[in-house]
Protein backbone atom coordinates (compact mmCIF):
# COMPACT_ATOMS: atom_id res chain seq x y z
CA MET A 1 88.22 49.68 279.36
CA ALA A 2 89.43 49.92 275.67
CA ARG A 3 88.03 47.96 272.77
CA TYR A 4 90.45 46.51 270.19
CA ASN A 5 90.25 44.37 266.64
CA PHE A 6 92.22 42.15 265.98
CA TYR A 7 92.60 40.50 262.00
CA VAL A 8 93.61 37.03 261.22
CA PHE A 9 94.13 36.02 258.00
CA SER A 10 94.17 32.62 256.50
CA ASN A 11 93.93 30.42 253.70
CA CYS A 12 92.63 26.77 253.32
CA THR A 13 94.93 24.62 251.80
CA ASP A 14 93.12 22.08 250.22
CA PRO A 15 90.63 23.49 247.53
CA SER A 16 88.63 20.01 247.45
CA ARG A 17 87.93 21.27 251.72
CA GLU A 18 86.69 24.43 250.99
CA GLU A 19 83.02 23.72 252.57
CA GLU A 20 84.65 21.65 255.18
CA PHE A 21 87.34 24.38 256.50
CA ASN A 22 83.88 26.93 256.54
CA ARG A 23 82.07 24.79 258.26
CA TRP A 24 85.06 24.09 261.02
CA TYR A 25 85.99 27.17 261.44
CA THR A 26 82.13 28.51 261.95
CA HIS A 27 81.08 25.94 264.29
CA ILE A 28 84.38 24.60 265.48
CA HIS A 29 86.98 27.28 266.07
CA LEU A 30 85.17 29.80 266.99
CA PRO A 31 83.02 28.46 269.72
CA ASP A 32 86.72 26.81 270.95
CA LEU A 33 87.96 30.69 270.79
CA SER A 34 85.01 31.91 272.61
CA GLY A 35 86.58 31.89 276.15
CA ALA A 36 89.55 34.04 275.14
CA LYS A 37 89.95 37.03 277.88
CA GLY A 38 87.87 39.85 276.33
CA LEU A 39 86.40 38.56 273.77
CA VAL A 40 83.53 40.20 272.66
CA SER A 41 82.44 39.11 269.51
CA ALA A 42 84.18 37.22 266.26
CA LYS A 43 83.61 37.72 262.73
CA ARG A 44 84.59 35.85 259.23
CA TYR A 45 84.90 37.74 256.00
CA VAL A 46 85.78 35.99 252.58
CA ASP A 47 87.75 37.91 249.73
CA PRO A 48 85.65 37.33 246.86
CA ASP A 49 88.55 36.36 244.70
CA PRO A 50 90.02 33.02 244.49
CA GLU A 51 93.34 33.82 243.76
CA SER A 52 93.55 36.48 246.61
CA LYS A 53 96.73 35.96 248.84
CA ALA A 54 94.88 35.87 251.71
CA ARG A 55 91.46 34.28 251.21
CA TYR A 56 89.88 34.51 254.66
CA LEU A 57 90.19 37.67 257.82
CA ALA A 58 88.50 36.54 260.84
CA VAL A 59 88.08 39.78 263.23
CA TYR A 60 87.91 39.67 266.51
CA GLU A 61 87.00 42.36 268.93
CA PHE A 62 87.96 42.58 272.41
CA GLU A 63 87.08 44.99 275.28
CA THR A 64 90.03 44.72 277.56
CA ASP A 65 92.85 46.85 279.07
CA ASP A 66 95.83 44.07 278.22
CA ILE A 67 95.25 43.60 274.41
CA ASP A 68 98.83 41.43 274.64
CA ALA A 69 97.00 38.83 277.60
CA SER A 70 93.93 38.87 275.41
CA ILE A 71 96.14 37.53 272.10
CA GLN A 72 98.34 35.49 273.72
CA SER A 73 94.93 33.72 275.54
CA LEU A 74 93.45 33.38 272.11
CA TYR A 75 96.47 31.60 270.86
CA GLU A 76 96.81 29.33 273.31
CA LEU A 77 92.91 28.13 273.16
CA ALA A 78 93.70 27.58 269.19
CA GLY A 79 96.84 25.61 270.40
CA ALA A 80 94.93 23.56 272.73
CA ALA A 81 92.78 22.71 269.91
CA TRP A 82 95.14 20.79 268.20
CA GLY A 83 95.86 18.62 271.48
CA ASN A 84 92.49 18.20 271.60
CA GLY A 85 92.22 16.75 268.19
CA ARG A 86 89.72 20.01 267.02
CA HIS A 87 92.03 21.75 264.58
CA VAL A 88 91.86 21.35 260.86
CA ASP A 89 95.36 20.62 258.82
CA PHE A 90 94.28 22.35 256.32
CA ILE A 91 94.64 26.15 257.17
CA GLU A 92 97.50 28.25 256.69
CA GLY A 93 98.19 31.66 257.96
CA ALA A 94 98.13 34.53 255.02
CA PRO A 95 99.81 37.36 255.32
CA SER A 96 98.17 40.58 256.16
CA ILE A 97 97.19 42.44 252.80
CA THR A 98 95.92 45.83 253.80
CA LEU A 99 96.61 46.26 257.49
CA PRO A 100 99.70 47.98 258.75
CA THR A 101 99.80 46.15 262.21
CA VAL A 102 97.93 43.64 263.97
CA SER A 103 95.48 45.38 265.99
CA TYR A 104 93.92 48.89 266.26
CA GLN A 105 92.25 50.15 269.49
CA GLU A 106 88.54 51.62 269.08
CA ILE A 107 88.43 55.49 269.41
CA ASP A 108 86.16 56.13 272.30
CA PRO A 109 83.80 58.86 271.25
CA ASP A 110 83.27 60.04 274.52
CA SER A 111 86.98 60.64 275.32
CA LEU A 112 86.18 63.48 272.40
CA GLU A 113 84.96 66.71 272.85
CA PRO A 114 82.49 68.05 270.24
CA LEU A 115 83.79 70.76 268.32
CA GLU A 116 82.49 74.28 268.52
CA ASP A 117 82.65 76.88 265.87
CA VAL A 118 84.35 75.07 263.15
CA SER A 119 84.76 76.09 259.36
CA TYR A 120 85.59 73.72 257.00
CA PRO A 121 85.97 74.32 252.93
CA THR A 122 82.73 73.36 250.77
CA GLU A 123 85.36 71.54 247.89
CA PRO A 124 87.10 68.45 248.19
CA SER A 125 90.83 69.00 247.35
CA GLN A 126 92.49 67.40 244.52
CA ALA A 127 93.76 64.81 246.85
CA VAL A 128 90.61 63.88 247.78
CA LEU A 129 89.38 63.91 244.46
CA ASP A 130 92.19 61.78 243.24
CA SER A 131 92.13 58.68 246.26
CA PHE A 132 88.18 58.94 245.07
CA ALA A 133 89.21 57.82 241.56
CA ARG A 134 91.17 55.45 242.59
CA HIS A 135 88.38 53.20 244.01
């Protein structure tokens, strides 16, 4: 089966409830979503910049041959949480900050033959040096 990461950006809309938001997300929301088809793990991240347009990132890792069905399953579970009184009203989706698409499939290293008899440059190009300098 293929592995995918699905990225969800969000914000807490009430700064006075930020701690509650994080406790809810970790101890209620993620467990509610744990039954999504093919879900292997879920991790959360926070942007340390409080002015970020997408303060929080949840990364859902799936092992599936049908990523669309798995994501649909995740959304259905999130939707059901509203009906069960288990979803907060101070969350909003945020724009994807750095990712051009919603999901990526993991490259299976076993699917690639090792390289043999290769020769690479011993010095980085100027473009590589420039990209390093930006970070």
